[in-house]
Amino acid sequence: MIRRAVVTLAAASALVAALTGCGESPQVVQYKQGKYQGKPDEPAYATAPWNGNKQEWEQALATRNQNQNEYKRIR
Protein backbone atom coordinates (compact mmCIF):
# COMPACT_ATOMS: atom_id res chain seq x y z
CA MET A 1 0.00 0.00 0.00
CA ILE A 2 2.75 2.46 0.93
CA ARG A 3 4.76 1.47 -2.14
CA ARG A 4 1.79 2.25 -4.37
CA ALA A 5 1.38 5.68 -2.77
CA VAL A 6 5.08 6.47 -3.27
CA VAL A 7 4.93 5.45 -6.94
CA THR A 8 1.77 7.51 -7.46
CA LEU A 9 3.36 10.53 -5.75
CA ALA A 10 6.52 10.19 -7.87
CA ALA A 11 4.47 9.92 -11.08
CA ALA A 12 2.39 12.97 -10.14
CA SER A 13 5.54 14.97 -9.33
CA ALA A 14 7.09 14.02 -12.67
CA LEU A 15 3.91 15.05 -14.49
CA VAL A 16 3.82 18.43 -12.72
CA ALA A 17 7.52 19.00 -13.46
CA ALA A 18 7.00 18.15 -17.12
CA LEU A 19 4.05 20.52 -17.47
CA THR A 20 5.69 23.55 -15.82
CA GLY A 21 7.54 24.45 -19.03
CA CYS A 22 4.33 24.48 -21.06
CA GLY A 23 3.09 27.70 -19.48
CA GLU A 24 5.76 29.97 -20.92
CA SER A 25 4.59 32.75 -23.17
CA PRO A 26 6.79 34.09 -25.98
CA GLN A 27 8.81 37.17 -25.04
CA VAL A 28 9.04 38.96 -28.37
CA VAL A 29 9.31 42.73 -28.58
CA GLN A 30 6.53 44.39 -30.52
CA TYR A 31 8.29 47.14 -32.50
CA LYS A 32 6.19 50.06 -33.62
CA GLN A 33 7.63 51.73 -36.70
CA GLY A 34 9.18 55.11 -35.97
CA LYS A 35 8.55 55.09 -32.21
CA TYR A 36 11.29 54.59 -29.62
CA GLN A 37 9.77 52.76 -26.68
CA GLY A 38 12.75 52.86 -24.32
CA LYS A 39 13.69 55.25 -21.57
CA PRO A 40 14.90 58.62 -22.82
CA ASP A 41 18.58 58.99 -21.92
CA GLU A 42 20.22 62.15 -20.67
CA PRO A 43 23.73 63.07 -21.74
CA ALA A 44 26.43 62.14 -19.21
CA TYR A 45 27.32 65.78 -18.62
CA ALA A 46 23.75 66.63 -17.57
CA THR A 47 24.16 64.82 -14.23
CA ALA A 48 24.92 66.24 -10.80
CA PRO A 49 28.64 67.16 -10.75
CA TRP A 50 28.60 69.05 -14.05
CA ASN A 51 24.97 70.21 -14.30
CA GLY A 52 25.00 70.47 -18.07
CA ASN A 53 28.47 71.99 -18.48
CA LYS A 54 29.88 69.90 -21.33
CA GLN A 55 33.34 71.52 -21.30
CA GLU A 56 33.92 70.67 -17.61
CA TRP A 57 32.74 67.12 -18.22
CA GLU A 58 35.11 66.68 -21.16
CA GLN A 59 37.99 68.08 -19.09
CA ALA A 60 37.23 65.73 -16.19
CA LEU A 61 37.08 62.80 -18.61
CA ALA A 62 40.41 63.73 -20.20
CA THR A 63 42.03 64.12 -16.77
CA ARG A 64 40.73 60.75 -15.63
CA ASN A 65 42.04 59.11 -18.81
CA GLN A 66 45.48 60.65 -18.30
CA ASN A 67 45.56 59.42 -14.69
CA GLN A 68 44.95 55.90 -15.96
CA ASN A 69 47.83 56.11 -18.44
CA GLU A 70 50.57 53.87 -16.98
CA TYR A 71 53.29 55.41 -19.13
CA LYS A 72 52.60 58.89 -17.74
CA ARG A 73 52.21 57.60 -14.17
CA ILE A 74 55.67 56.00 -13.96
CA ARG A 75 57.53 59.08 -15.23
PDB file of N, CA and C in Angstrom:
ATOM      1  N   MET A   1       0.817  -1.198   0.000  1.00  0.00           N
ATOM      2  CA  MET A   1       0.000   0.000   0.000  1.00  0.00           C
ATOM      3  C   MET A   1       0.868   1.273   0.000  1.00  0.00           C
ATOM      4  N   ILE A   2       1.877   1.290   0.846  1.00  0.00           N
ATOM      5  CA  ILE A   2       2.751   2.461   0.925  1.00  0.00           C
ATOM      6  C   ILE A   2       3.561   2.592  -0.365  1.00  0.00           C
ATOM      7  N   ARG A   3       3.987   1.454  -0.897  1.00  0.00           N
ATOM      8  CA  ARG A   3       4.758   1.473  -2.138  1.00  0.00           C
ATOM      9  C   ARG A   3       3.943   2.063  -3.282  1.00  0.00           C
ATOM     10  N   ARG A   4       2.672   1.730  -3.322  1.00  0.00           N
ATOM     11  CA  ARG A   4       1.794   2.249  -4.375  1.00  0.00           C
ATOM     12  C   ARG A   4       1.620   3.766  -4.239  1.00  0.00           C
ATOM     13  N   ALA A   5       1.524   4.251  -3.020  1.00  0.00           N
ATOM     14  CA  ALA A   5       1.380   5.683  -2.774  1.00  0.00           C
ATOM     15  C   ALA A   5       2.648   6.438  -3.188  1.00  0.00           C
ATOM     16  N   VAL A   6       3.810   5.841  -2.899  1.00  0.00           N
ATOM     17  CA  VAL A   6       5.081   6.472  -3.273  1.00  0.00           C
ATOM     18  C   VAL A   6       5.208   6.536  -4.789  1.00  0.00           C
ATOM     19  N   VAL A   7       4.854   5.467  -5.483  1.00  0.00           N
ATOM     20  CA  VAL A   7       4.934   5.448  -6.941  1.00  0.00           C
ATOM     21  C   VAL A   7       3.964   6.459  -7.541  1.00  0.00           C
ATOM     22  N   THR A   8       2.753   6.539  -6.984  1.00  0.00           N
ATOM     23  CA  THR A   8       1.769   7.509  -7.465  1.00  0.00           C
ATOM     24  C   THR A   8       2.260   8.934  -7.235  1.00  0.00           C
ATOM     25  N   LEU A   9       2.835   9.188  -6.059  1.00  0.00           N
ATOM     26  CA  LEU A   9       3.359  10.528  -5.751  1.00  0.00           C
ATOM     27  C   LEU A   9       4.513  10.885  -6.692  1.00  0.00           C
ATOM     28  N   ALA A  10       5.392   9.935  -6.969  1.00  0.00           N
ATOM     29  CA  ALA A  10       6.516  10.191  -7.872  1.00  0.00           C
ATOM     30  C   ALA A  10       6.026  10.467  -9.284  1.00  0.00           C
ATOM     31  N   ALA A  11       5.015   9.703  -9.737  1.00  0.00           N
ATOM     32  CA  ALA A  11       4.470   9.921 -11.076  1.00  0.00           C
ATOM     33  C   ALA A  11       3.784  11.282 -11.177  1.00  0.00           C
ATOM     34  N   ALA A  12       3.061  11.671 -10.142  1.00  0.00           N
ATOM     35  CA  ALA A  12       2.390  12.970 -10.143  1.00  0.00           C
ATOM     36  C   ALA A  12       3.416  14.100 -10.135  1.00  0.00           C
ATOM     37  N   SER A  13       4.483  13.945  -9.364  1.00  0.00           N
ATOM     38  CA  SER A  13       5.537  14.970  -9.328  1.00  0.00           C
ATOM     39  C   SER A  13       6.213  15.104 -10.688  1.00  0.00           C
ATOM     40  N   ALA A  14       6.464  13.975 -11.345  1.00  0.00           N
ATOM     41  CA  ALA A  14       7.086  14.016 -12.665  1.00  0.00           C
ATOM     42  C   ALA A  14       6.169  14.691 -13.673  1.00  0.00           C
ATOM     43  N   LEU A  15       4.867  14.427 -13.578  1.00  0.00           N
ATOM     44  CA  LEU A  15       3.910  15.053 -14.488  1.00  0.00           C
ATOM     45  C   LEU A  15       3.860  16.564 -14.281  1.00  0.00           C
ATOM     46  N   VAL A  16       3.844  16.987 -13.023  1.00  0.00           N
ATOM     47  CA  VAL A  16       3.823  18.426 -12.723  1.00  0.00           C
ATOM     48  C   VAL A  16       5.109  19.088 -13.223  1.00  0.00           C
ATOM     49  N   ALA A  17       6.248  18.445 -13.003  1.00  0.00           N
ATOM     50  CA  ALA A  17       7.524  19.005 -13.455  1.00  0.00           C
ATOM     51  C   ALA A  17       7.572  19.107 -14.976  1.00  0.00           C
ATOM     52  N   ALA A  18       6.996  18.126 -15.666  1.00  0.00           N
ATOM     53  CA  ALA A  18       7.003  18.150 -17.124  1.00  0.00           C
ATOM     54  C   ALA A  18       6.092  19.241 -17.671  1.00  0.00           C
ATOM     55  N   LEU A  19       5.013  19.533 -16.980  1.00  0.00           N
ATOM     56  CA  LEU A  19       4.055  20.522 -17.475  1.00  0.00           C
ATOM     57  C   LEU A  19       4.406  21.964 -17.106  1.00  0.00           C
ATOM     58  N   THR A  20       5.369  22.178 -16.221  1.00  0.00           N
ATOM     59  CA  THR A  20       5.693  23.545 -15.820  1.00  0.00           C
ATOM     60  C   THR A  20       6.268  24.358 -16.976  1.00  0.00           C
ATOM     61  N   GLY A  21       6.969  23.736 -17.893  1.00  0.00           N
ATOM     62  CA  GLY A  21       7.542  24.451 -19.031  1.00  0.00           C
ATOM     63  C   GLY A  21       6.521  24.806 -20.096  1.00  0.00           C
ATOM     64  N   CYS A  22       5.342  24.229 -20.030  1.00  0.00           N
ATOM     65  CA  CYS A  22       4.326  24.483 -21.058  1.00  0.00           C
ATOM     66  C   CYS A  22       3.642  25.836 -20.887  1.00  0.00           C
ATOM     67  N   GLY A  23       3.787  26.446 -19.741  1.00  0.00           N
ATOM     68  CA  GLY A  23       3.088  27.697 -19.476  1.00  0.00           C
ATOM     69  C   GLY A  23       3.843  28.942 -19.896  1.00  0.00           C
ATOM     70  N   GLU A  24       4.988  28.792 -20.528  1.00  0.00           N
ATOM     71  CA  GLU A  24       5.761  29.968 -20.921  1.00  0.00           C
ATOM     72  C   GLU A  24       5.116  30.662 -22.112  1.00  0.00           C
ATOM     73  N   SER A  25       5.093  31.982 -22.045  1.00  0.00           N
ATOM     74  CA  SER A  25       4.587  32.755 -23.170  1.00  0.00           C
ATOM     75  C   SER A  25       5.782  33.338 -23.932  1.00  0.00           C
ATOM     76  N   PRO A  26       5.667  33.544 -25.221  1.00  0.00           N
ATOM     77  CA  PRO A  26       6.787  34.088 -25.985  1.00  0.00           C
ATOM     78  C   PRO A  26       7.089  35.525 -25.545  1.00  0.00           C
ATOM     79  N   GLN A  27       8.377  35.843 -25.482  1.00  0.00           N
ATOM     80  CA  GLN A  27       8.807  37.173 -25.042  1.00  0.00           C
ATOM     81  C   GLN A  27       9.419  37.921 -26.218  1.00  0.00           C
ATOM     82  N   VAL A  28       8.593  38.293 -27.161  1.00  0.00           N
ATOM     83  CA  VAL A  28       9.040  38.964 -28.366  1.00  0.00           C
ATOM     84  C   VAL A  28       8.650  40.435 -28.278  1.00  0.00           C
ATOM     85  N   VAL A  29       9.567  41.296 -28.622  1.00  0.00           N
ATOM     86  CA  VAL A  29       9.310  42.735 -28.580  1.00  0.00           C
ATOM     87  C   VAL A  29       8.417  43.120 -29.747  1.00  0.00           C
ATOM     88  N   GLN A  30       7.407  43.886 -29.467  1.00  0.00           N
ATOM     89  CA  GLN A  30       6.527  44.392 -30.516  1.00  0.00           C
ATOM     90  C   GLN A  30       7.034  45.781 -30.916  1.00  0.00           C
ATOM     91  N   TYR A  31       7.720  45.876 -32.049  1.00  0.00           N
ATOM     92  CA  TYR A  31       8.294  47.138 -32.505  1.00  0.00           C
ATOM     93  C   TYR A  31       7.253  47.918 -33.278  1.00  0.00           C
ATOM     94  N   LYS A  32       7.092  49.170 -32.895  1.00  0.00           N
ATOM     95  CA  LYS A  32       6.194  50.064 -33.624  1.00  0.00           C
ATOM     96  C   LYS A  32       7.060  50.977 -34.480  1.00  0.00           C
ATOM     97  N   GLN A  33       6.809  50.999 -35.750  1.00  0.00           N
ATOM     98  CA  GLN A  33       7.628  51.732 -36.702  1.00  0.00           C
ATOM     99  C   GLN A  33       7.713  53.214 -36.343  1.00  0.00           C
ATOM    100  N   GLY A  34       8.948  53.693 -36.194  1.00  0.00           N
ATOM    101  CA  GLY A  34       9.178  55.113 -35.967  1.00  0.00           C
ATOM    102  C   GLY A  34       9.001  55.581 -34.536  1.00  0.00           C
ATOM    103  N   LYS A  35       8.754  54.682 -33.598  1.00  0.00           N
ATOM    104  CA  LYS A  35       8.550  55.087 -32.206  1.00  0.00           C
ATOM    105  C   LYS A  35       9.556  54.370 -31.321  1.00  0.00           C
ATOM    106  N   TYR A  36      10.354  55.143 -30.589  1.00  0.00           N
ATOM    107  CA  TYR A  36      11.288  54.590 -29.621  1.00  0.00           C
ATOM    108  C   TYR A  36      10.525  54.340 -28.333  1.00  0.00           C
ATOM    109  N   GLN A  37      10.561  53.114 -27.849  1.00  0.00           N
ATOM    110  CA  GLN A  37       9.770  52.764 -26.681  1.00  0.00           C
ATOM    111  C   GLN A  37      10.605  52.675 -25.411  1.00  0.00           C
ATOM    112  N   GLY A  38      11.878  52.959 -25.491  1.00  0.00           N
ATOM    113  CA  GLY A  38      12.749  52.858 -24.322  1.00  0.00           C
ATOM    114  C   GLY A  38      12.750  54.128 -23.495  1.00  0.00           C
ATOM    115  N   LYS A  39      13.565  54.102 -22.457  1.00  0.00           N
ATOM    116  CA  LYS A  39      13.690  55.247 -21.569  1.00  0.00           C
ATOM    117  C   LYS A  39      14.520  56.329 -22.261  1.00  0.00           C
ATOM    118  N   PRO A  40      14.082  57.562 -22.224  1.00  0.00           N
ATOM    119  CA  PRO A  40      14.900  58.621 -22.819  1.00  0.00           C
ATOM    120  C   PRO A  40      16.164  58.846 -21.984  1.00  0.00           C
ATOM    121  N   ASP A  41      17.302  58.840 -22.624  1.00  0.00           N
ATOM    122  CA  ASP A  41      18.575  58.990 -21.925  1.00  0.00           C
ATOM    123  C   ASP A  41      18.998  60.451 -21.896  1.00  0.00           C
ATOM    124  N   GLU A  42      19.636  60.819 -20.790  1.00  0.00           N
ATOM    125  CA  GLU A  42      20.216  62.152 -20.666  1.00  0.00           C
ATOM    126  C   GLU A  42      21.692  62.045 -21.006  1.00  0.00           C
ATOM    127  N   PRO A  43      22.286  63.101 -21.510  1.00  0.00           N
ATOM    128  CA  PRO A  43      23.730  63.070 -21.739  1.00  0.00           C
ATOM    129  C   PRO A  43      24.463  62.923 -20.406  1.00  0.00           C
ATOM    130  N   ALA A  44      25.667  62.368 -20.444  1.00  0.00           N
ATOM    131  CA  ALA A  44      26.428  62.138 -19.213  1.00  0.00           C
ATOM    132  C   ALA A  44      26.756  63.447 -18.500  1.00  0.00           C
ATOM    133  N   TYR A  45      26.954  64.512 -19.243  1.00  0.00           N
ATOM    134  CA  TYR A  45      27.321  65.782 -18.622  1.00  0.00           C
ATOM    135  C   TYR A  45      26.126  66.513 -18.018  1.00  0.00           C
ATOM    136  N   ALA A  46      24.931  65.982 -18.145  1.00  0.00           N
ATOM    137  CA  ALA A  46      23.750  66.629 -17.568  1.00  0.00           C
ATOM    138  C   ALA A  46      23.497  66.179 -16.139  1.00  0.00           C
ATOM    139  N   THR A  47      24.358  65.328 -15.580  1.00  0.00           N
ATOM    140  CA  THR A  47      24.159  64.819 -14.227  1.00  0.00           C
ATOM    141  C   THR A  47      24.734  65.775 -13.189  1.00  0.00           C
ATOM    142  N   ALA A  48      24.648  65.377 -11.946  1.00  0.00           N
ATOM    143  CA  ALA A  48      24.920  66.244 -10.804  1.00  0.00           C
ATOM    144  C   ALA A  48      26.257  67.000 -10.803  1.00  0.00           C
ATOM    145  N   PRO A  49      27.417  66.362 -10.938  1.00  0.00           N
ATOM    146  CA  PRO A  49      28.637  67.157 -10.746  1.00  0.00           C
ATOM    147  C   PRO A  49      28.832  68.257 -11.783  1.00  0.00           C
ATOM    148  N   TRP A  50      28.331  68.069 -12.993  1.00  0.00           N
ATOM    149  CA  TRP A  50      28.597  69.046 -14.052  1.00  0.00           C
ATOM    150  C   TRP A  50      27.391  69.895 -14.395  1.00  0.00           C
ATOM    151  N   ASN A  51      26.204  69.454 -14.089  1.00  0.00           N
ATOM    152  CA  ASN A  51      24.965  70.214 -14.296  1.00  0.00           C
ATOM    153  C   ASN A  51      24.843  70.806 -15.693  1.00  0.00           C
ATOM    154  N   GLY A  52      25.185  70.025 -16.695  1.00  0.00           N
ATOM    155  CA  GLY A  52      25.001  70.468 -18.070  1.00  0.00           C
ATOM    156  C   GLY A  52      26.193  71.165 -18.686  1.00  0.00           C
ATOM    157  N   ASN A  53      27.288  71.325 -17.948  1.00  0.00           N
ATOM    158  CA  ASN A  53      28.472  71.988 -18.477  1.00  0.00           C
ATOM    159  C   ASN A  53      29.321  70.954 -19.215  1.00  0.00           C
ATOM    160  N   LYS A  54      29.212  70.920 -20.519  1.00  0.00           N
ATOM    161  CA  LYS A  54      29.881  69.901 -21.327  1.00  0.00           C
ATOM    162  C   LYS A  54      31.396  70.070 -21.314  1.00  0.00           C
ATOM    163  N   GLN A  55      31.893  71.300 -21.286  1.00  0.00           N
ATOM    164  CA  GLN A  55      33.339  71.518 -21.299  1.00  0.00           C
ATOM    165  C   GLN A  55      33.987  70.968 -20.022  1.00  0.00           C
ATOM    166  N   GLU A  56      33.372  71.207 -18.862  1.00  0.00           N
ATOM    167  CA  GLU A  56      33.916  70.675 -17.611  1.00  0.00           C
ATOM    168  C   GLU A  56      33.897  69.153 -17.615  1.00  0.00           C
ATOM    169  N   TRP A  57      32.850  68.570 -18.159  1.00  0.00           N
ATOM    170  CA  TRP A  57      32.736  67.115 -18.222  1.00  0.00           C
ATOM    171  C   TRP A  57      33.826  66.530 -19.109  1.00  0.00           C
ATOM    172  N   GLU A  58      34.066  67.160 -20.269  1.00  0.00           N
ATOM    173  CA  GLU A  58      35.112  66.678 -21.161  1.00  0.00           C
ATOM    174  C   GLU A  58      36.490  66.812 -20.518  1.00  0.00           C
ATOM    175  N   GLN A  59      36.712  67.900 -19.778  1.00  0.00           N
ATOM    176  CA  GLN A  59      37.994  68.082 -19.093  1.00  0.00           C
ATOM    177  C   GLN A  59      38.182  67.032 -18.008  1.00  0.00           C
ATOM    178  N   ALA A  60      37.151  66.746 -17.238  1.00  0.00           N
ATOM    179  CA  ALA A  60      37.234  65.726 -16.191  1.00  0.00           C
ATOM    180  C   ALA A  60      37.488  64.343 -16.799  1.00  0.00           C
ATOM    181  N   LEU A  61      36.876  64.074 -17.927  1.00  0.00           N
ATOM    182  CA  LEU A  61      37.075  62.798 -18.607  1.00  0.00           C
ATOM    183  C   LEU A  61      38.508  62.678 -19.114  1.00  0.00           C
ATOM    184  N   ALA A  62      39.035  63.743 -19.700  1.00  0.00           N
ATOM    185  CA  ALA A  62      40.413  63.729 -20.201  1.00  0.00           C
ATOM    186  C   ALA A  62      41.405  63.570 -19.049  1.00  0.00           C
ATOM    187  N   THR A  63      41.150  64.234 -17.933  1.00  0.00           N
ATOM    188  CA  THR A  63      42.027  64.120 -16.771  1.00  0.00           C
ATOM    189  C   THR A  63      42.008  62.701 -16.225  1.00  0.00           C
ATOM    190  N   ARG A  64      40.832  62.119 -16.131  1.00  0.00           N
ATOM    191  CA  ARG A  64      40.729  60.745 -15.633  1.00  0.00           C
ATOM    192  C   ARG A  64      41.451  59.779 -16.562  1.00  0.00           C
ATOM    193  N   ASN A  65      41.337  59.978 -17.857  1.00  0.00           N
ATOM    194  CA  ASN A  65      42.035  59.113 -18.810  1.00  0.00           C
ATOM    195  C   ASN A  65      43.546  59.246 -18.672  1.00  0.00           C
ATOM    196  N   GLN A  66      44.035  60.450 -18.460  1.00  0.00           N
ATOM    197  CA  GLN A  66      45.477  60.648 -18.303  1.00  0.00           C
ATOM    198  C   GLN A  66      45.979  60.030 -17.003  1.00  0.00           C
ATOM    199  N   ASN A  67      45.162  60.038 -15.958  1.00  0.00           N
ATOM    200  CA  ASN A  67      45.560  59.423 -14.694  1.00  0.00           C
ATOM    201  C   ASN A  67      45.602  57.901 -14.789  1.00  0.00           C
ATOM    202  N   GLN A  68      44.929  57.339 -15.775  1.00  0.00           N
ATOM    203  CA  GLN A  68      44.951  55.895 -15.965  1.00  0.00           C
ATOM    204  C   GLN A  68      46.041  55.464 -16.953  1.00  0.00           C
ATOM    205  N   ASN A  69      46.766  56.402 -17.494  1.00  0.00           N
ATOM    206  CA  ASN A  69      47.833  56.111 -18.441  1.00  0.00           C
ATOM    207  C   ASN A  69      49.067  55.678 -17.670  1.00  0.00           C
ATOM    208  N   GLU A  70      49.438  54.403 -17.745  1.00  0.00           N
ATOM    209  CA  GLU A  70      50.565  53.868 -16.977  1.00  0.00           C
ATOM    210  C   GLU A  70      51.891  54.510 -17.409  1.00  0.00           C
ATOM    211  N   TYR A  71      52.033  54.814 -18.665  1.00  0.00           N
ATOM    212  CA  TYR A  71      53.290  55.413 -19.128  1.00  0.00           C
ATOM    213  C   TYR A  71      53.521  56.777 -18.468  1.00  0.00           C
ATOM    214  N   LYS A  72      52.457  57.565 -18.363  1.00  0.00           N
ATOM    215  CA  LYS A  72      52.600  58.893 -17.738  1.00  0.00           C
ATOM    216  C   LYS A  72      52.765  58.766 -16.223  1.00  0.00           C
ATOM    217  N   ARG A  73      52.153  57.733 -15.625  1.00  0.00           N
ATOM    218  CA  ARG A  73      52.208  57.597 -14.167  1.00  0.00           C
ATOM    219  C   ARG A  73      53.599  57.219 -13.670  1.00  0.00           C
ATOM    220  N   ILE A  74      54.366  56.442 -14.438  1.00  0.00           N
ATOM    221  CA  ILE A  74      55.668  56.000 -13.960  1.00  0.00           C
ATOM    222  C   ILE A  74      56.753  57.029 -14.193  1.00  0.00           C
ATOM    223  N   ARG A  75      56.505  58.045 -14.954  1.00  0.00           N
ATOM    224  CA  ARG A  75      57.526  59.080 -15.226  1.00  0.00           C
ATOM    225  C   ARG A  75      57.479  60.166 -14.211  1.00  0.00           C
TER     226      ARG A  75
END
